[in-house]
C-alpha atoms as a PDB file:
ATOM      1  CA  MET A   1      -7.742   3.986 -74.693  1.00  0.00           C
ATOM      2  CA  ILE A   2     -10.416   1.374 -74.418  1.00  0.00           C
ATOM      3  CA  GLN A   3     -12.086  -0.200 -71.015  1.00  0.00           C
ATOM      4  CA  VAL A   4     -12.086  -3.409 -70.292  1.00  0.00           C
ATOM      5  CA  THR A   5     -12.988  -5.410 -67.138  1.00  0.00           C
ATOM      6  CA  VAL A   6     -10.209  -7.577 -65.238  1.00  0.00           C
ATOM      7  CA  ASN A   7     -11.360  -9.855 -62.912  1.00  0.00           C
ATOM      8  CA  ASN A   8     -14.244  -7.350 -61.905  1.00  0.00           C
ATOM      9  CA  ILE A   9     -12.291  -4.393 -61.969  1.00  0.00           C
ATOM     10  CA  LEU A  10     -12.890  -1.729 -64.858  1.00  0.00           C
ATOM     11  CA  ARG A  11      -9.153  -0.835 -66.541  1.00  0.00           C
ATOM     12  CA  GLN A  12      -8.290   1.497 -68.922  1.00  0.00           C
ATOM     13  CA  ILE A  13      -5.631   0.166 -71.554  1.00  0.00           C
ATOM     14  CA  GLU A  14      -4.477   0.953 -75.307  1.00  0.00           C
ATOM     15  CA  THR A  15      -6.222   0.260 -77.931  1.00  0.00           C
ATOM     16  CA  ASP A  16      -5.248  -2.772 -79.973  1.00  0.00           C
ATOM     17  CA  SER A  17      -3.598  -4.522 -77.155  1.00  0.00           C
ATOM     18  CA  ALA A  18      -3.146  -8.230 -77.174  1.00  0.00           C
ATOM     19  CA  LEU A  19      -3.892  -9.987 -74.522  1.00  0.00           C
ATOM     20  CA  GLU A  20      -0.709 -11.176 -73.825  1.00  0.00           C
ATOM     21  CA  GLN A  21       0.687  -7.735 -73.507  1.00  0.00           C
ATOM     22  CA  LEU A  22      -2.223  -6.771 -70.827  1.00  0.00           C
ATOM     23  CA  ILE A  23      -1.215  -9.842 -68.707  1.00  0.00           C
ATOM     24  CA  LYS A  24       2.544  -8.649 -68.737  1.00  0.00           C
ATOM     25  CA  GLU A  25       1.591  -4.910 -68.213  1.00  0.00           C
ATOM     26  CA  LEU A  26      -0.889  -6.111 -64.925  1.00  0.00           C
ATOM     27  CA  ASP A  27       2.486  -8.162 -63.979  1.00  0.00           C
ATOM     28  CA  ILE A  28       0.393 -11.550 -63.386  1.00  0.00           C
ATOM     29  CA  ASP A  29       1.743 -14.920 -63.047  1.00  0.00           C
ATOM     30  CA  THR A  30       0.558 -16.785 -65.818  1.00  0.00           C
ATOM     31  CA  HIS A  31       1.861 -20.307 -64.256  1.00  0.00           C
ATOM     32  CA  GLY A  32      -1.327 -22.808 -63.915  1.00  0.00           C
ATOM     33  CA  CYS A  33      -3.054 -19.590 -65.432  1.00  0.00           C
ATOM     34  CA  ALA A  34      -6.606 -19.764 -67.447  1.00  0.00           C
ATOM     35  CA  ILE A  35      -8.360 -16.786 -68.971  1.00  0.00           C
ATOM     36  CA  ALA A  36     -11.837 -16.456 -69.961  1.00  0.00           C
ATOM     37  CA  VAL A  37     -12.871 -13.616 -72.171  1.00  0.00           C
ATOM     38  CA  ASN A  38     -16.546 -12.920 -72.243  1.00  0.00           C
ATOM     39  CA  ASP A  39     -16.953 -16.196 -70.676  1.00  0.00           C
ATOM     40  CA  GLN A  40     -14.950 -17.711 -73.409  1.00  0.00           C
ATOM     41  CA  ILE A  41     -11.414 -19.625 -72.481  1.00  0.00           C
ATOM     42  CA  VAL A  42      -8.675 -18.411 -74.726  1.00  0.00           C
ATOM     43  CA  PRO A  43      -6.321 -20.747 -75.124  1.00  0.00           C
ATOM     44  CA  ARG A  44      -2.815 -20.104 -74.271  1.00  0.00           C
ATOM     45  CA  THR A  45      -1.715 -20.395 -77.995  1.00  0.00           C
ATOM     46  CA  GLU A  46      -3.610 -17.711 -79.203  1.00  0.00           C
ATOM     47  CA  TRP A  47      -2.854 -15.003 -76.231  1.00  0.00           C
ATOM     48  CA  SER A  48      -0.347 -13.481 -78.103  1.00  0.00           C
ATOM     49  CA  THR A  49      -2.624 -12.878 -81.350  1.00  0.00           C
ATOM     50  CA  PHE A  50      -6.022 -11.875 -78.911  1.00  0.00           C
ATOM     51  CA  VAL A  51      -6.926  -8.232 -79.446  1.00  0.00           C
ATOM     52  CA  VAL A  52      -8.953  -6.939 -76.379  1.00  0.00           C
ATOM     53  CA  LYS A  53     -11.620  -4.967 -77.555  1.00  0.00           C
ATOM     54  CA  ASN A  54     -13.498  -2.306 -75.821  1.00  0.00           C
ATOM     55  CA  ASP A  55     -16.102  -3.519 -72.827  1.00  0.00           C
ATOM     56  CA  MET A  56     -14.713  -7.158 -72.885  1.00  0.00           C
ATOM     57  CA  SER A  57     -14.601  -9.090 -69.780  1.00  0.00           C
ATOM     58  CA  ILE A  58     -11.478 -10.753 -69.008  1.00  0.00           C
ATOM     59  CA  ASN A  59     -11.547 -13.359 -65.969  1.00  0.00           C
ATOM     60  CA  ILE A  60      -7.850 -14.810 -65.136  1.00  0.00           C
ATOM     61  CA  PHE A  61      -7.800 -17.869 -63.109  1.00  0.00           C
ATOM     62  CA  GLN A  62      -5.463 -19.363 -61.104  1.00  0.00           C
ATOM     63  CA  ALA A  63      -5.641 -23.447 -60.727  1.00  0.00           C
ATOM     64  CA  ILE A  64      -5.138 -24.519 -57.236  1.00  0.00           C
ATOM     65  CA  ALA A  65      -4.655 -28.180 -56.184  1.00  0.00           C
ATOM     66  CA  GLY A  66      -6.802 -29.535 -53.444  1.00  0.00           C
ATOM     67  CA  GLY A  67      -8.705 -32.598 -52.016  1.00  0.00           C
END
């Protein structure tokens, strides 16, 4: 198990988890969503291959329309 921070909440996950797997485990709706790991945006095309490592900080943002 490793520890990561997801939206300022410390979580324990399996080692060698892909970012996409973590999102599914957290049951997060990814429609209109962006993800930053250690303050760097990870393109959606890389979610399935991006490996989450110990002590990473993950922020999940939902797009909101407004004026």
